[in-house]
Each structure stands twice: as structure tokens, then as C-alpha cells.
């Protein structure tokens, strides 16, 4: 399967906000981050990198920093997310900040 763009919500240091553990590699300047280590035998909520496919998923997982991400390899759709075997962060969503988060919450 070819890479597809998605979103990942993390804290400002690349750590998960909604469960999970570990540290994501972060992009440097305009360069994407390196690929995270491959996960075999992907199982949603247990093993794999969990990403949002579009705004319909993202609204369930909002947090302080939203990253554009891409994936390749194995993919399993589960409720309001996907779990994948290979993922990396491409860039920070600069339009998502404290102000836009407050405006979103007020709407």
C-alpha cells in the first residue's frame, strides 16, 4: 500500500496524549521525521501506530499539537482511528494553536 496522509496528536515533545507510550521522532525544519520502527502483527489499541484519517477522526483525539503524518504497510481501521505498521510525522499543523483550540471549543 502507498503512503497516505493522516494526523497524529501528541504533546509538544512528541509523546502520546491519549494512551500509549514512547517517543515519536519529530520533523526537523522542512524535513519529515524518520520512520518509526516497524510494528508487526498490528492490533488496534494494542500494537501499532494509531493515526486519524481526516477531520471526522481527528475531532475525537484533539490535543495540544497536531502533526501531519503518513503511513505505509499494514493498516487496520478501528472505530475513529487506524492502526498501522509504519508511520512518520511530516510537519506540525501550524494553524492549530491555543487560540484556534479555544475557538473550536467555544463553537
PDB file of N, CA and C in Angstrom:
ATOM      1  N   UNK A   1       0.840  -1.178   0.000  1.00  0.00           N
ATOM      2  CA  UNK A   1       0.000   0.000   0.000  1.00  0.00           C
ATOM      3  C   UNK A   1       0.882   1.237   0.000  1.00  0.00           C
ATOM      4  N   UNK A   2       0.486   2.268  -0.685  1.00  0.00           N
ATOM      5  CA  UNK A   2       1.251   3.513  -0.721  1.00  0.00           C
ATOM      6  C   UNK A   2       0.949   4.366   0.503  1.00  0.00           C
ATOM      7  N   UNK A   3       1.861   5.294   0.775  1.00  0.00           N
ATOM      8  CA  UNK A   3       1.711   6.175   1.937  1.00  0.00           C
ATOM      9  C   UNK A   3       0.474   7.048   1.780  1.00  0.00           C
ATOM     10  N   UNK A   4      -0.186   7.319   2.873  1.00  0.00           N
ATOM     11  CA  UNK A   4      -1.368   8.177   2.887  1.00  0.00           C
ATOM     12  C   UNK A   4      -1.227   9.177   4.028  1.00  0.00           C
ATOM     13  N   UNK A   5      -1.667  10.406   3.811  1.00  0.00           N
ATOM     14  CA  UNK A   5      -1.562  11.421   4.854  1.00  0.00           C
ATOM     15  C   UNK A   5      -2.671  11.273   5.883  1.00  0.00           C
ATOM     16  N   UNK A   6      -2.296  11.454   7.123  1.00  0.00           N
ATOM     17  CA  UNK A   6      -3.216  11.382   8.255  1.00  0.00           C
ATOM     18  C   UNK A   6      -2.770  12.408   9.290  1.00  0.00           C
ATOM     19  N   UNK A   7      -3.273  12.280  10.501  1.00  0.00           N
ATOM     20  CA  UNK A   7      -2.898  13.170  11.592  1.00  0.00           C
ATOM     21  C   UNK A   7      -2.550  12.361  12.827  1.00  0.00           C
ATOM     22  N   UNK A   8      -1.652  12.947  13.652  1.00  0.00           N
ATOM     23  CA  UNK A   8      -1.283  12.349  14.931  1.00  0.00           C
ATOM     24  C   UNK A   8      -1.273  13.461  15.972  1.00  0.00           C
ATOM     25  N   UNK A   9      -1.926  13.228  17.107  1.00  0.00           N
ATOM     26  CA  UNK A   9      -1.956  14.200  18.196  1.00  0.00           C
ATOM     27  C   UNK A   9      -0.974  13.744  19.271  1.00  0.00           C
ATOM     28  N   UNK A  10      -0.043  14.637  19.585  1.00  0.00           N
ATOM     29  CA  UNK A  10       0.995  14.368  20.589  1.00  0.00           C
ATOM     30  C   UNK A  10       1.193  15.618  21.429  1.00  0.00           C
ATOM     31  N   UNK A  11       2.010  15.506  22.465  1.00  0.00           N
ATOM     32  CA  UNK A  11       2.386  16.722  23.178  1.00  0.00           C
ATOM     33  C   UNK A  11       3.510  17.414  22.406  1.00  0.00           C
ATOM     34  N   UNK A  12       3.979  18.533  22.915  1.00  0.00           N
ATOM     35  CA  UNK A  12       4.995  19.313  22.197  1.00  0.00           C
ATOM     36  C   UNK A  12       6.345  18.607  22.085  1.00  0.00           C
ATOM     37  N   UNK A  13       6.542  17.551  22.869  1.00  0.00           N
ATOM     38  CA  UNK A  13       7.803  16.811  22.843  1.00  0.00           C
ATOM     39  C   UNK A  13       7.710  15.503  22.058  1.00  0.00           C
ATOM     40  N   UNK A  14       6.541  15.224  21.450  1.00  0.00           N
ATOM     41  CA  UNK A  14       6.387  14.010  20.661  1.00  0.00           C
ATOM     42  C   UNK A  14       5.950  12.797  21.460  1.00  0.00           C
ATOM     43  N   UNK A  15       5.368  13.041  22.634  1.00  0.00           N
ATOM     44  CA  UNK A  15       4.880  11.934  23.468  1.00  0.00           C
ATOM     45  C   UNK A  15       3.360  11.816  23.321  1.00  0.00           C
ATOM     46  N   UNK A  16       2.838  10.585  23.390  1.00  0.00           N
ATOM     47  CA  UNK A  16       1.390  10.360  23.227  1.00  0.00           C
ATOM     48  C   UNK A  16       0.564  11.095  24.287  1.00  0.00           C
ATOM     49  N   UNK A  17      -0.617  11.552  23.859  1.00  0.00           N
ATOM     50  CA  UNK A  17      -1.540  12.268  24.736  1.00  0.00           C
ATOM     51  C   UNK A  17      -2.729  11.412  25.166  1.00  0.00           C
ATOM     52  N   UNK A  18      -3.031  10.388  24.414  1.00  0.00           N
ATOM     53  CA  UNK A  18      -4.253   9.619  24.645  1.00  0.00           C
ATOM     54  C   UNK A  18      -3.929   8.141  24.871  1.00  0.00           C
ATOM     55  N   UNK A  19      -3.000   7.866  25.746  1.00  0.00           N
ATOM     56  CA  UNK A  19      -2.595   6.490  25.992  1.00  0.00           C
ATOM     57  C   UNK A  19      -1.382   6.142  25.158  1.00  0.00           C
ATOM     58  N   UNK A  20      -0.883   4.985  25.401  1.00  0.00           N
ATOM     59  CA  UNK A  20       0.324   4.584  24.695  1.00  0.00           C
ATOM     60  C   UNK A  20       1.555   5.106  25.402  1.00  0.00           C
ATOM     61  N   UNK A  21       2.680   4.767  24.860  1.00  0.00           N
ATOM     62  CA  UNK A  21       3.942   5.188  25.457  1.00  0.00           C
ATOM     63  C   UNK A  21       4.943   5.423  24.343  1.00  0.00           C
ATOM     64  N   UNK A  22       6.118   5.849  24.728  1.00  0.00           N
ATOM     65  CA  UNK A  22       7.172   6.035  23.747  1.00  0.00           C
ATOM     66  C   UNK A  22       7.345   7.477  23.343  1.00  0.00           C
ATOM     67  N   UNK A  23       8.194   7.652  22.371  1.00  0.00           N
ATOM     68  CA  UNK A  23       8.577   8.966  21.871  1.00  0.00           C
ATOM     69  C   UNK A  23       8.611   8.900  20.352  1.00  0.00           C
ATOM     70  N   UNK A  24       7.885   9.785  19.704  1.00  0.00           N
ATOM     71  CA  UNK A  24       7.901   9.860  18.245  1.00  0.00           C
ATOM     72  C   UNK A  24       9.088  10.697  17.805  1.00  0.00           C
ATOM     73  N   UNK A  25       9.679  10.336  16.669  1.00  0.00           N
ATOM     74  CA  UNK A  25      10.696  11.162  16.044  1.00  0.00           C
ATOM     75  C   UNK A  25      10.002  12.398  15.482  1.00  0.00           C
ATOM     76  N   UNK A  26      10.591  13.573  15.689  1.00  0.00           N
ATOM     77  CA  UNK A  26       9.980  14.819  15.240  1.00  0.00           C
ATOM     78  C   UNK A  26      10.656  15.339  13.975  1.00  0.00           C
ATOM     79  N   UNK A  27       9.877  16.012  13.117  1.00  0.00           N
ATOM     80  CA  UNK A  27      10.469  16.614  11.920  1.00  0.00           C
ATOM     81  C   UNK A  27      11.492  17.679  12.312  1.00  0.00           C
ATOM     82  N   UNK A  28      12.425  17.924  11.405  1.00  0.00           N
ATOM     83  CA  UNK A  28      13.442  18.946  11.626  1.00  0.00           C
ATOM     84  C   UNK A  28      13.341  19.967  10.502  1.00  0.00           C
ATOM     85  N   UNK A  29      12.923  21.181  10.818  1.00  0.00           N
ATOM     86  CA  UNK A  29      12.728  22.197   9.789  1.00  0.00           C
ATOM     87  C   UNK A  29      11.662  21.748   8.802  1.00  0.00           C
ATOM     88  N   UNK A  30      11.996  21.740   7.524  1.00  0.00           N
ATOM     89  CA  UNK A  30      11.041  21.306   6.499  1.00  0.00           C
ATOM     90  C   UNK A  30      11.189  19.832   6.151  1.00  0.00           C
ATOM     91  N   UNK A  31      12.070  19.147   6.861  1.00  0.00           N
ATOM     92  CA  UNK A  31      12.296  17.726   6.592  1.00  0.00           C
ATOM     93  C   UNK A  31      11.397  16.859   7.471  1.00  0.00           C
ATOM     94  N   UNK A  32      10.746  15.843   6.889  1.00  0.00           N
ATOM     95  CA  UNK A  32       9.933  14.928   7.702  1.00  0.00           C
ATOM     96  C   UNK A  32      10.809  14.183   8.710  1.00  0.00           C
ATOM     97  N   UNK A  33      10.181  13.682   9.732  1.00  0.00           N
ATOM     98  CA  UNK A  33      10.888  12.842  10.700  1.00  0.00           C
ATOM     99  C   UNK A  33      11.229  11.510  10.042  1.00  0.00           C
ATOM    100  N   UNK A  34      12.143  10.773  10.666  1.00  0.00           N
ATOM    101  CA  UNK A  34      12.420   9.444  10.129  1.00  0.00           C
ATOM    102  C   UNK A  34      11.268   8.511  10.508  1.00  0.00           C
ATOM    103  N   UNK A  35      11.152   7.418   9.772  1.00  0.00           N
ATOM    104  CA  UNK A  35      10.094   6.438  10.034  1.00  0.00           C
ATOM    105  C   UNK A  35      10.283   5.818  11.413  1.00  0.00           C
ATOM    106  N   UNK A  36       9.187   5.641  12.113  1.00  0.00           N
ATOM    107  CA  UNK A  36       9.214   4.938  13.399  1.00  0.00           C
ATOM    108  C   UNK A  36       9.535   3.463  13.123  1.00  0.00           C
ATOM    109  N   UNK A  37      10.062   2.744  14.126  1.00  0.00           N
ATOM    110  CA  UNK A  37      10.351   1.325  13.902  1.00  0.00           C
ATOM    111  C   UNK A  37       9.095   0.550  13.491  1.00  0.00           C
ATOM    112  N   UNK A  38       9.259  -0.344  12.552  1.00  0.00           N
ATOM    113  CA  UNK A  38       8.138  -1.139  12.040  1.00  0.00           C
ATOM    114  C   UNK A  38       7.525  -1.988  13.155  1.00  0.00           C
ATOM    115  N   UNK A  39       6.197  -2.038  13.164  1.00  0.00           N
ATOM    116  CA  UNK A  39       5.459  -2.877  14.114  1.00  0.00           C
ATOM    117  C   UNK A  39       4.866  -4.042  13.330  1.00  0.00           C
ATOM    118  N   UNK A  40       5.061  -5.239  13.824  1.00  0.00           N
ATOM    119  CA  UNK A  40       4.464  -6.406  13.174  1.00  0.00           C
ATOM    120  C   UNK A  40       3.225  -6.833  13.940  1.00  0.00           C
ATOM    121  N   UNK A  41       2.349  -7.545  13.270  1.00  0.00           N
ATOM    122  CA  UNK A  41       1.119  -8.043  13.874  1.00  0.00           C
ATOM    123  C   UNK A  41       0.305  -6.921  14.510  1.00  0.00           C
ATOM    124  N   UNK A  42      -0.040  -5.933  13.697  1.00  0.00           N
ATOM    125  CA  UNK A  42      -0.800  -4.759  14.159  1.00  0.00           C
ATOM    126  C   UNK A  42      -2.151  -5.182  14.720  1.00  0.00           C
ATOM    127  N   UNK A  43      -2.484  -4.632  15.879  1.00  0.00           N
ATOM    128  CA  UNK A  43      -3.777  -4.885  16.517  1.00  0.00           C
ATOM    129  C   UNK A  43      -4.227  -3.585  17.184  1.00  0.00           C
ATOM    130  N   UNK A  44      -5.338  -2.983  16.699  1.00  0.00           N
ATOM    131  CA  UNK A  44      -5.792  -1.701  17.254  1.00  0.00           C
ATOM    132  C   UNK A  44      -5.882  -1.721  18.778  1.00  0.00           C
ATOM    133  N   UNK A  45      -5.456  -0.633  19.381  1.00  0.00           N
ATOM    134  CA  UNK A  45      -5.460  -0.422  20.838  1.00  0.00           C
ATOM    135  C   UNK A  45      -4.434  -1.277  21.570  1.00  0.00           C
ATOM    136  N   UNK A  46      -3.662  -2.075  20.839  1.00  0.00           N
ATOM    137  CA  UNK A  46      -2.627  -2.890  21.477  1.00  0.00           C
ATOM    138  C   UNK A  46      -1.254  -2.722  20.837  1.00  0.00           C
ATOM    139  N   UNK A  47      -1.189  -2.854  19.498  1.00  0.00           N
ATOM    140  CA  UNK A  47       0.083  -2.786  18.788  1.00  0.00           C
ATOM    141  C   UNK A  47      -0.097  -2.023  17.488  1.00  0.00           C
ATOM    142  N   UNK A  48       0.808  -1.105  17.244  1.00  0.00           N
ATOM    143  CA  UNK A  48       0.779  -0.337  16.015  1.00  0.00           C
ATOM    144  C   UNK A  48       0.760   1.147  16.312  1.00  0.00           C
ATOM    145  N   UNK A  49       0.921   1.918  15.256  1.00  0.00           N
ATOM    146  CA  UNK A  49       0.856   3.370  15.363  1.00  0.00           C
ATOM    147  C   UNK A  49      -0.561   3.797  15.024  1.00  0.00           C
ATOM    148  N   UNK A  50      -1.165   4.552  15.915  1.00  0.00           N
ATOM    149  CA  UNK A  50      -2.557   4.946  15.758  1.00  0.00           C
ATOM    150  C   UNK A  50      -2.629   6.368  15.209  1.00  0.00           C
ATOM    151  N   UNK A  51      -3.370   6.518  14.113  1.00  0.00           N
ATOM    152  CA  UNK A  51      -3.486   7.793  13.415  1.00  0.00           C
ATOM    153  C   UNK A  51      -4.942   8.132  13.139  1.00  0.00           C
ATOM    154  N   UNK A  52      -5.188   9.404  12.871  1.00  0.00           N
ATOM    155  CA  UNK A  52      -6.514   9.881  12.483  1.00  0.00           C
ATOM    156  C   UNK A  52      -6.544  10.046  10.968  1.00  0.00           C
ATOM    157  N   UNK A  53      -7.614   9.546  10.348  1.00  0.00           N
ATOM    158  CA  UNK A  53      -7.826   9.741   8.917  1.00  0.00           C
ATOM    159  C   UNK A  53      -8.849  10.858   8.738  1.00  0.00           C
ATOM    160  N   UNK A  54      -8.392  12.074   8.572  1.00  0.00           N
ATOM    161  CA  UNK A  54      -9.291  13.183   8.322  1.00  0.00           C
ATOM    162  C   UNK A  54      -9.931  13.769   9.576  1.00  0.00           C
ATOM    163  N   UNK A  55     -10.711  14.830   9.350  1.00  0.00           N
ATOM    164  CA  UNK A  55     -11.323  15.593  10.434  1.00  0.00           C
ATOM    165  C   UNK A  55     -12.324  14.780  11.246  1.00  0.00           C
ATOM    166  N   UNK A  56     -13.025  13.847  10.614  1.00  0.00           N
ATOM    167  CA  UNK A  56     -14.021  13.044  11.338  1.00  0.00           C
ATOM    168  C   UNK A  56     -13.370  12.229  12.455  1.00  0.00           C
ATOM    169  N   UNK A  57     -12.165  11.738  12.225  1.00  0.00           N
ATOM    170  CA  UNK A  57     -11.425  11.034  13.278  1.00  0.00           C
ATOM    171  C   UNK A  57     -10.782  12.023  14.238  1.00  0.00           C
ATOM    172  N   UNK A  58     -10.166  13.043  13.683  1.00  0.00           N
ATOM    173  CA  UNK A  58      -9.371  13.977  14.472  1.00  0.00           C
ATOM    174  C   UNK A  58     -10.163  14.645  15.591  1.00  0.00           C
ATOM    175  N   UNK A  59     -11.421  14.949  15.353  1.00  0.00           N
ATOM    176  CA  UNK A  59     -12.232  15.638  16.355  1.00  0.00           C
ATOM    177  C   UNK A  59     -12.335  14.832  17.663  1.00  0.00           C
ATOM    178  N   UNK A  60     -12.154  13.526  17.611  1.00  0.00           N
ATOM    179  CA  UNK A  60     -12.205  12.679  18.808  1.00  0.00           C
ATOM    180  C   UNK A  60     -10.886  12.669  19.587  1.00  0.00           C
ATOM    181  N   UNK A  61      -9.820  13.155  18.992  1.00  0.00           N
ATOM    182  CA  UNK A  61      -8.484  12.995  19.571  1.00  0.00           C
ATOM    183  C   UNK A  61      -7.735  14.312  19.745  1.00  0.00           C
ATOM    184  N   UNK A  62      -8.406  15.442  19.722  1.00  0.00           N
ATOM    185  CA  UNK A  62      -7.717  16.723  19.787  1.00  0.00           C
ATOM    186  C   UNK A  62      -6.845  16.851  21.031  1.00  0.00           C
ATOM    187  N   UNK A  63      -5.770  17.594  20.892  1.00  0.00           N
ATOM    188  CA  UNK A  63      -4.829  17.823  21.977  1.00  0.00           C
ATOM    189  C   UNK A  63      -3.953  19.009  21.641  1.00  0.00           C
ATOM    190  N   UNK A  64      -2.854  19.185  22.353  1.00  0.00           N
ATOM    191  CA  UNK A  64      -2.061  20.402  22.205  1.00  0.00           C
ATOM    192  C   UNK A  64      -1.355  20.566  20.857  1.00  0.00           C
ATOM    193  N   UNK A  65      -0.878  19.477  20.256  1.00  0.00           N
ATOM    194  CA  UNK A  65      -0.150  19.590  18.991  1.00  0.00           C
ATOM    195  C   UNK A  65      -0.684  18.544  18.014  1.00  0.00           C
ATOM    196  N   UNK A  66      -1.022  19.010  16.816  1.00  0.00           N
ATOM    197  CA  UNK A  66      -1.478  18.102  15.766  1.00  0.00           C
ATOM    198  C   UNK A  66      -0.387  18.062  14.696  1.00  0.00           C
ATOM    199  N   UNK A  67      -0.003  16.863  14.331  1.00  0.00           N
ATOM    200  CA  UNK A  67       1.023  16.647  13.312  1.00  0.00           C
ATOM    201  C   UNK A  67       0.394  16.016  12.079  1.00  0.00           C
ATOM    202  N   UNK A  68       0.856  16.416  10.910  1.00  0.00           N
ATOM    203  CA  UNK A  68       0.522  15.707   9.679  1.00  0.00           C
ATOM    204  C   UNK A  68       1.446  14.496   9.659  1.00  0.00           C
ATOM    205  N   UNK A  69       0.870  13.338   9.403  1.00  0.00           N
ATOM    206  CA  UNK A  69       1.652  12.096   9.413  1.00  0.00           C
ATOM    207  C   UNK A  69       1.376  11.319   8.133  1.00  0.00           C
ATOM    208  N   UNK A  70       2.245  10.385   7.843  1.00  0.00           N
ATOM    209  CA  UNK A  70       1.991   9.466   6.743  1.00  0.00           C
ATOM    210  C   UNK A  70       2.261   8.054   7.216  1.00  0.00           C
ATOM    211  N   UNK A  71       1.678   7.120   6.512  1.00  0.00           N
ATOM    212  CA  UNK A  71       1.836   5.718   6.883  1.00  0.00           C
ATOM    213  C   UNK A  71       2.047   4.891   5.627  1.00  0.00           C
ATOM    214  N   UNK A  72       2.523   3.677   5.854  1.00  0.00           N
ATOM    215  CA  UNK A  72       2.636   2.690   4.782  1.00  0.00           C
ATOM    216  C   UNK A  72       2.557   1.326   5.446  1.00  0.00           C
ATOM    217  N   UNK A  73       2.437   0.297   4.647  1.00  0.00           N
ATOM    218  CA  UNK A  73       2.395  -1.058   5.199  1.00  0.00           C
ATOM    219  C   UNK A  73       1.001  -1.479   5.611  1.00  0.00           C
ATOM    220  N   UNK A  74       0.946  -2.249   6.669  1.00  0.00           N
ATOM    221  CA  UNK A  74      -0.319  -2.800   7.165  1.00  0.00           C
ATOM    222  C   UNK A  74      -1.187  -1.692   7.765  1.00  0.00           C
ATOM    223  N   UNK A  75      -2.489  -1.752   7.507  1.00  0.00           N
ATOM    224  CA  UNK A  75      -3.452  -0.773   8.028  1.00  0.00           C
ATOM    225  C   UNK A  75      -4.727  -1.486   8.457  1.00  0.00           C
ATOM    226  N   UNK A  76      -5.204  -1.160   9.661  1.00  0.00           N
ATOM    227  CA  UNK A  76      -6.471  -1.695  10.152  1.00  0.00           C
ATOM    228  C   UNK A  76      -7.320  -0.519  10.632  1.00  0.00           C
ATOM    229  N   UNK A  77      -8.523  -0.416  10.098  1.00  0.00           N
ATOM    230  CA  UNK A  77      -9.467   0.616  10.529  1.00  0.00           C
ATOM    231  C   UNK A  77     -10.172   0.133  11.789  1.00  0.00           C
ATOM    232  N   UNK A  78     -10.276   1.010  12.802  1.00  0.00           N
ATOM    233  CA  UNK A  78     -10.948   0.649  14.056  1.00  0.00           C
ATOM    234  C   UNK A  78     -11.629   1.891  14.624  1.00  0.00           C
ATOM    235  N   UNK A  79     -12.953   1.864  14.659  1.00  0.00           N
ATOM    236  CA  UNK A  79     -13.751   2.967  15.196  1.00  0.00           C
ATOM    237  C   UNK A  79     -13.316   4.298  14.599  1.00  0.00           C
ATOM    238  N   UNK A  80     -12.737   5.206  15.402  1.00  0.00           N
ATOM    239  CA  UNK A  80     -12.387   6.537  14.913  1.00  0.00           C
ATOM    240  C   UNK A  80     -10.873   6.736  14.771  1.00  0.00           C
ATOM    241  N   UNK A  81     -10.208   5.699  14.273  1.00  0.00           N
ATOM    242  CA  UNK A  81      -8.757   5.763  14.063  1.00  0.00           C
ATOM    243  C   UNK A  81      -8.328   4.602  13.177  1.00  0.00           C
ATOM    244  N   UNK A  82      -7.057   4.641  12.786  1.00  0.00           N
ATOM    245  CA  UNK A  82      -6.455   3.491  12.124  1.00  0.00           C
ATOM    246  C   UNK A  82      -5.224   3.087  12.923  1.00  0.00           C
ATOM    247  N   UNK A  83      -4.853   1.843  12.830  1.00  0.00           N
ATOM    248  CA  UNK A  83      -3.602   1.334  13.396  1.00  0.00           C
ATOM    249  C   UNK A  83      -2.773   0.854  12.214  1.00  0.00           C
ATOM    250  N   UNK A  84      -1.502   1.246  12.193  1.00  0.00           N
ATOM    251  CA  UNK A  84      -0.642   0.927  11.062  1.00  0.00           C
ATOM    252  C   UNK A  84       0.704   0.389  11.537  1.00  0.00           C
ATOM    253  N   UNK A  85       1.394  -0.251  10.612  1.00  0.00           N
ATOM    254  CA  UNK A  85       2.696  -0.842  10.935  1.00  0.00           C
ATOM    255  C   UNK A  85       3.848   0.147  10.802  1.00  0.00           C
ATOM    256  N   UNK A  86       3.718   1.136   9.932  1.00  0.00           N
ATOM    257  CA  UNK A  86       4.797   2.087   9.656  1.00  0.00           C
ATOM    258  C   UNK A  86       4.229   3.499   9.612  1.00  0.00           C
ATOM    259  N   UNK A  87       4.858   4.420  10.327  1.00  0.00           N
ATOM    260  CA  UNK A  87       4.366   5.802  10.348  1.00  0.00           C
ATOM    261  C   UNK A  87       5.515   6.762  10.597  1.00  0.00           C
ATOM    262  N   UNK A  88       5.320   7.991  10.139  1.00  0.00           N
ATOM    263  CA  UNK A  88       6.257   9.069  10.457  1.00  0.00           C
ATOM    264  C   UNK A  88       5.507  10.391  10.428  1.00  0.00           C
ATOM    265  N   UNK A  89       6.055  11.372  11.145  1.00  0.00           N
ATOM    266  CA  UNK A  89       5.491  12.713  11.183  1.00  0.00           C
ATOM    267  C   UNK A  89       6.093  13.532  10.051  1.00  0.00           C
ATOM    268  N   UNK A  90       5.249  14.299   9.359  1.00  0.00           N
ATOM    269  CA  UNK A  90       5.687  15.107   8.235  1.00  0.00           C
ATOM    270  C   UNK A  90       5.913  16.562   8.644  1.00  0.00           C
ATOM    271  N   UNK A  91       4.929  17.133   9.325  1.00  0.00           N
ATOM    272  CA  UNK A  91       5.034  18.540   9.725  1.00  0.00           C
ATOM    273  C   UNK A  91       4.002  18.839  10.812  1.00  0.00           C
ATOM    274  N   UNK A  92       4.251  19.906  11.520  1.00  0.00           N
ATOM    275  CA  UNK A  92       3.326  20.373  12.559  1.00  0.00           C
ATOM    276  C   UNK A  92       2.212  21.166  11.895  1.00  0.00           C
ATOM    277  N   UNK A  93       0.979  20.979  12.345  1.00  0.00           N
ATOM    278  CA  UNK A  93      -0.152  21.768  11.850  1.00  0.00           C
ATOM    279  C   UNK A  93      -0.096  23.131  12.547  1.00  0.00           C
ATOM    280  N   UNK A  94       0.512  24.086  11.895  1.00  0.00           N
ATOM    281  CA  UNK A  94       0.725  25.407  12.499  1.00  0.00           C
ATOM    282  C   UNK A  94      -0.579  26.155  12.763  1.00  0.00           C
ATOM    283  N   UNK A  95      -1.637  25.824  12.029  1.00  0.00           N
ATOM    284  CA  UNK A  95      -2.921  26.509  12.232  1.00  0.00           C
ATOM    285  C   UNK A  95      -3.610  26.067  13.523  1.00  0.00           C
ATOM    286  N   UNK A  96      -3.170  24.956  14.125  1.00  0.00           N
ATOM    287  CA  UNK A  96      -3.746  24.513  15.396  1.00  0.00           C
ATOM    288  C   UNK A  96      -2.877  25.058  16.517  1.00  0.00           C
ATOM    289  N   UNK A  97      -3.428  25.978  17.282  1.00  0.00           N
ATOM    290  CA  UNK A  97      -2.702  26.583  18.392  1.00  0.00           C
ATOM    291  C   UNK A  97      -3.689  26.847  19.530  1.00  0.00           C
ATOM    292  N   UNK A  98      -3.224  27.462  20.573  1.00  0.00           N
ATOM    293  CA  UNK A  98      -4.087  27.700  21.736  1.00  0.00           C
ATOM    294  C   UNK A  98      -5.332  28.507  21.365  1.00  0.00           C
ATOM    295  N   UNK A  99      -5.169  29.502  20.510  1.00  0.00           N
ATOM    296  CA  UNK A  99      -6.309  30.336  20.107  1.00  0.00           C
ATOM    297  C   UNK A  99      -7.334  29.528  19.313  1.00  0.00           C
ATOM    298  N   UNK A 100      -6.895  28.788  18.299  1.00  0.00           N
ATOM    299  CA  UNK A 100      -7.849  28.022  17.497  1.00  0.00           C
ATOM    300  C   UNK A 100      -8.496  26.910  18.325  1.00  0.00           C
ATOM    301  N   UNK A 101      -7.762  26.364  19.279  1.00  0.00           N
ATOM    302  CA  UNK A 101      -8.351  25.341  20.160  1.00  0.00           C
ATOM    303  C   UNK A 101      -9.486  25.945  20.994  1.00  0.00           C
ATOM    304  N   UNK A 102      -9.282  27.165  21.508  1.00  0.00           N
ATOM    305  CA  UNK A 102     -10.320  27.831  22.294  1.00  0.00           C
ATOM    306  C   UNK A 102     -11.529  28.168  21.427  1.00  0.00           C
ATOM    307  N   UNK A 103     -11.281  28.662  20.220  1.00  0.00           N
ATOM    308  CA  UNK A 103     -12.372  28.980  19.307  1.00  0.00           C
ATOM    309  C   UNK A 103     -13.167  27.721  18.936  1.00  0.00           C
ATOM    310  N   UNK A 104     -12.469  26.628  18.708  1.00  0.00           N
ATOM    311  CA  UNK A 104     -13.136  25.368  18.407  1.00  0.00           C
ATOM    312  C   UNK A 104     -14.006  24.921  19.580  1.00  0.00           C
ATOM    313  N   UNK A 105     -13.467  25.021  20.792  1.00  0.00           N
ATOM    314  CA  UNK A 105     -14.215  24.603  21.986  1.00  0.00           C
ATOM    315  C   UNK A 105     -15.441  25.473  22.208  1.00  0.00           C
ATOM    316  N   UNK A 106     -15.379  26.725  21.819  1.00  0.00           N
ATOM    317  CA  UNK A 106     -16.500  27.644  22.025  1.00  0.00           C
ATOM    318  C   UNK A 106     -17.593  27.470  20.974  1.00  0.00           C
ATOM    319  N   UNK A 107     -17.276  26.818  19.870  1.00  0.00           N
ATOM    320  CA  UNK A 107     -18.282  26.704  18.792  1.00  0.00           C
ATOM    321  C   UNK A 107     -19.284  25.599  19.047  1.00  0.00           C
TER     322      UNK A 107
END
